[in-house]
Amino acid sequence: MGVILFQKIVLQRLNQVTADEVLKYAKQYGIHVTRKQALEVEKLVNGKNINIFNEKERNKLLSQVEAVTSKEAVQLLNRLFEQYVSRG
């Protein structure tokens, strides 16, 4: 799969994330996230077209997510983002 196609798929998926998915991923990775926090994360990313392949945009998003969740959650999110960025 081409790099551009991979990036588009990842960005589209992020752009459409729901609070339920945030909760599912948090549970899957052992991070405590409340429903309220998941809804805040959804508001931060849903429909915003944030490009996690752009370091500045990714860091801005991580700061915003940390403000509504926890440092632990952001560290995990950053590791997940880095996995995608290294592939794309």
C-alpha atoms as a PDB file:
ATOM      1  CA  MET A   1       0.000   0.000   0.000  1.00  0.00           C
ATOM      2  CA  GLY A   2       1.320   3.429  -0.864  1.00  0.00           C
ATOM      3  CA  VAL A   3       2.446   5.779   1.863  1.00  0.00           C
ATOM      4  CA  ILE A   4      -0.082   8.458   0.933  1.00  0.00           C
ATOM      5  CA  LEU A   5      -2.973   5.969   0.950  1.00  0.00           C
ATOM      6  CA  PHE A   6      -1.872   4.613   4.341  1.00  0.00           C
ATOM      7  CA  GLN A   7      -1.710   8.141   5.777  1.00  0.00           C
ATOM      8  CA  LYS A   8      -5.143   9.021   4.387  1.00  0.00           C
ATOM      9  CA  ILE A   9      -6.704   5.921   5.939  1.00  0.00           C
ATOM     10  CA  VAL A  10      -5.132   6.614   9.347  1.00  0.00           C
ATOM     11  CA  LEU A  11      -6.130  10.286   9.284  1.00  0.00           C
ATOM     12  CA  GLN A  12      -9.688   9.512   8.190  1.00  0.00           C
ATOM     13  CA  ARG A  13     -10.027   6.971  10.991  1.00  0.00           C
ATOM     14  CA  LEU A  14      -8.732   9.468  13.573  1.00  0.00           C
ATOM     15  CA  ASN A  15     -11.053  12.143  12.196  1.00  0.00           C
ATOM     16  CA  GLN A  16     -14.047   9.874  12.880  1.00  0.00           C
ATOM     17  CA  VAL A  17     -13.138   8.423  16.275  1.00  0.00           C
ATOM     18  CA  THR A  18     -15.969   8.109  18.795  1.00  0.00           C
ATOM     19  CA  ALA A  19     -15.961   8.256  22.583  1.00  0.00           C
ATOM     20  CA  ASP A  20     -16.858   4.557  22.671  1.00  0.00           C
ATOM     21  CA  GLU A  21     -13.786   3.754  20.579  1.00  0.00           C
ATOM     22  CA  VAL A  22     -11.601   5.890  22.856  1.00  0.00           C
ATOM     23  CA  LEU A  23     -12.921   3.898  25.825  1.00  0.00           C
ATOM     24  CA  LYS A  24     -12.350   0.596  24.008  1.00  0.00           C
ATOM     25  CA  TYR A  25      -8.742   1.457  23.143  1.00  0.00           C
ATOM     26  CA  ALA A  26      -8.066   2.783  26.634  1.00  0.00           C
ATOM     27  CA  LYS A  27      -9.337  -0.454  28.162  1.00  0.00           C
ATOM     28  CA  GLN A  28      -7.383  -2.520  25.645  1.00  0.00           C
ATOM     29  CA  TYR A  29      -4.148  -0.770  26.679  1.00  0.00           C
ATOM     30  CA  GLY A  30      -4.915  -0.623  30.404  1.00  0.00           C
ATOM     31  CA  ILE A  31      -5.364   3.142  30.655  1.00  0.00           C
ATOM     32  CA  HIS A  32      -8.105   4.565  32.856  1.00  0.00           C
ATOM     33  CA  VAL A  33     -10.240   7.004  30.881  1.00  0.00           C
ATOM     34  CA  THR A  34     -13.684   8.100  32.022  1.00  0.00           C
ATOM     35  CA  ARG A  35     -16.653   8.498  29.690  1.00  0.00           C
ATOM     36  CA  LYS A  36     -16.435  12.264  30.178  1.00  0.00           C
ATOM     37  CA  GLN A  37     -12.752  12.251  29.163  1.00  0.00           C
ATOM     38  CA  ALA A  38     -13.504  10.068  26.141  1.00  0.00           C
ATOM     39  CA  LEU A  39     -16.183  12.527  25.039  1.00  0.00           C
ATOM     40  CA  GLU A  40     -13.677  15.382  25.392  1.00  0.00           C
ATOM     41  CA  VAL A  41     -11.144  13.508  23.254  1.00  0.00           C
ATOM     42  CA  GLU A  42     -13.835  12.857  20.657  1.00  0.00           C
ATOM     43  CA  LYS A  43     -14.591  16.592  20.558  1.00  0.00           C
ATOM     44  CA  LEU A  44     -10.893  17.390  20.140  1.00  0.00           C
ATOM     45  CA  VAL A  45     -10.364  15.185  17.100  1.00  0.00           C
ATOM     46  CA  ASN A  46     -13.670  14.406  15.461  1.00  0.00           C
ATOM     47  CA  GLY A  47     -14.040  16.411  12.268  1.00  0.00           C
ATOM     48  CA  LYS A  48     -10.875  18.456  12.888  1.00  0.00           C
ATOM     49  CA  ASN A  49      -8.649  16.903  10.183  1.00  0.00           C
ATOM     50  CA  ILE A  50      -5.615  16.781  12.470  1.00  0.00           C
ATOM     51  CA  ASN A  51      -2.535  15.447  10.699  1.00  0.00           C
ATOM     52  CA  ILE A  52      -0.642  13.238  13.152  1.00  0.00           C
ATOM     53  CA  PHE A  53       2.081  12.844  10.525  1.00  0.00           C
ATOM     54  CA  ASN A  54       2.884  16.532  11.082  1.00  0.00           C
ATOM     55  CA  GLU A  55       4.902  16.813  14.293  1.00  0.00           C
ATOM     56  CA  LYS A  56       3.566  20.250  15.215  1.00  0.00           C
ATOM     57  CA  GLU A  57      -0.083  19.207  14.807  1.00  0.00           C
ATOM     58  CA  ARG A  58       0.529  15.919  16.642  1.00  0.00           C
ATOM     59  CA  ASN A  59       2.190  17.663  19.600  1.00  0.00           C
ATOM     60  CA  LYS A  60      -0.607  20.236  19.792  1.00  0.00           C
ATOM     61  CA  LEU A  61      -3.203  17.461  19.888  1.00  0.00           C
ATOM     62  CA  LEU A  62      -1.251  15.556  22.548  1.00  0.00           C
ATOM     63  CA  SER A  63      -1.166  18.679  24.737  1.00  0.00           C
ATOM     64  CA  GLN A  64      -4.906  19.137  24.318  1.00  0.00           C
ATOM     65  CA  VAL A  65      -5.599  15.487  25.124  1.00  0.00           C
ATOM     66  CA  GLU A  66      -3.395  15.659  28.221  1.00  0.00           C
ATOM     67  CA  ALA A  67      -5.448  18.611  29.465  1.00  0.00           C
ATOM     68  CA  VAL A  68      -8.602  16.452  29.480  1.00  0.00           C
ATOM     69  CA  THR A  69      -7.150  13.035  30.371  1.00  0.00           C
ATOM     70  CA  SER A  70      -3.819  12.211  31.992  1.00  0.00           C
ATOM     71  CA  LYS A  71      -0.101  12.174  31.304  1.00  0.00           C
ATOM     72  CA  GLU A  72      -0.240   8.363  31.245  1.00  0.00           C
ATOM     73  CA  ALA A  73      -2.956   8.378  28.567  1.00  0.00           C
ATOM     74  CA  VAL A  74      -1.005  10.841  26.436  1.00  0.00           C
ATOM     75  CA  GLN A  75       2.194   8.818  26.692  1.00  0.00           C
ATOM     76  CA  LEU A  76       0.335   5.774  25.396  1.00  0.00           C
ATOM     77  CA  LEU A  77      -1.360   7.787  22.658  1.00  0.00           C
ATOM     78  CA  ASN A  78       1.991   9.189  21.592  1.00  0.00           C
ATOM     79  CA  ARG A  79       3.459   5.670  21.372  1.00  0.00           C
ATOM     80  CA  LEU A  80       0.522   4.596  19.211  1.00  0.00           C
ATOM     81  CA  PHE A  81       0.886   7.653  16.988  1.00  0.00           C
ATOM     82  CA  GLU A  82       4.617   6.988  16.634  1.00  0.00           C
ATOM     83  CA  GLN A  83       3.861   3.467  15.364  1.00  0.00           C
ATOM     84  CA  TYR A  84       1.678   4.923  12.599  1.00  0.00           C
ATOM     85  CA  VAL A  85       4.057   7.785  11.818  1.00  0.00           C
ATOM     86  CA  SER A  86       7.016   5.430  11.457  1.00  0.00           C
ATOM     87  CA  ARG A  87       5.066   3.392   8.892  1.00  0.00           C
ATOM     88  CA  GLY A  88       3.798   6.376   6.951  1.00  0.00           C
END
